[in-house]
Structure formats: C-alpha cells, structure tokens
C-alpha cells in the first residue's frame, strides 16, 4: 500500500497491523516498521500497533513529547509520550535501514504539532 493514499486492502495488508484500523477515506501520511510495532501517521492521528495490539491511537495534537535516540552500534529508539496519562507512553526501536522512514514519520508529526490550532 502506498504511503499518502488509501487503497483497497491487498494480500500484503495481512502483514500490516495499521491497515485494519483505517477507514476507506483515511490517508497514511507516513509509516515506519519498528522491531516491536509499526508507527504511522494517519490523517491527524498517530498509531502504534503490532499484530496483537493497538498500543496507541491518538490525535497527534495529544502528544506531549516525541524523542529519538540514536547511538553507535545500537538500534534507534523512538519515545512517544502522550499528554493524557490514560494513554501509555510508547518506546519502539528501529534498525538503521528504517531511519529514512522514521525521519519521514517524524517530519509529519512535527508538521501537525507545529500547525496553528484553530
């Protein structure tokens, strides 16, 4: 499934925990597959999910903090901290080959967070 548009489910969607959460009109702006979960920006929501659970599904505006940690000889870490305590913070690790997709995802999160509200 292409990033940036929603198409009908394909046989590849069974590998994508995000696909089952989408409405027909939903737009995937960015997606990155981590070791523990997939992180996606869908419309103005951030979703963290794996094959078993949806760990987080909130509006991007509901984020308090997003942090990236990259160290030598280790997978990178993405820490997502929501504003509301009812939403559990998420930590997802990413191998170096996913860093470009991770950067793309962070760019979309940053754009939504920095957009004027109103």
Foldseek 3Di string as FASTA:
>chain_A
DDAFFDDPDDPCCLQPPCNVVDDNGKGWNAWFQFPVFIWTCIPQWIWTDHNPDTLDTGGLLQWDDWDWDDDPPAFIWIWTHGPDPVRDIDITTHHPVRVVRVVSRVVVSVVSNPDDDD
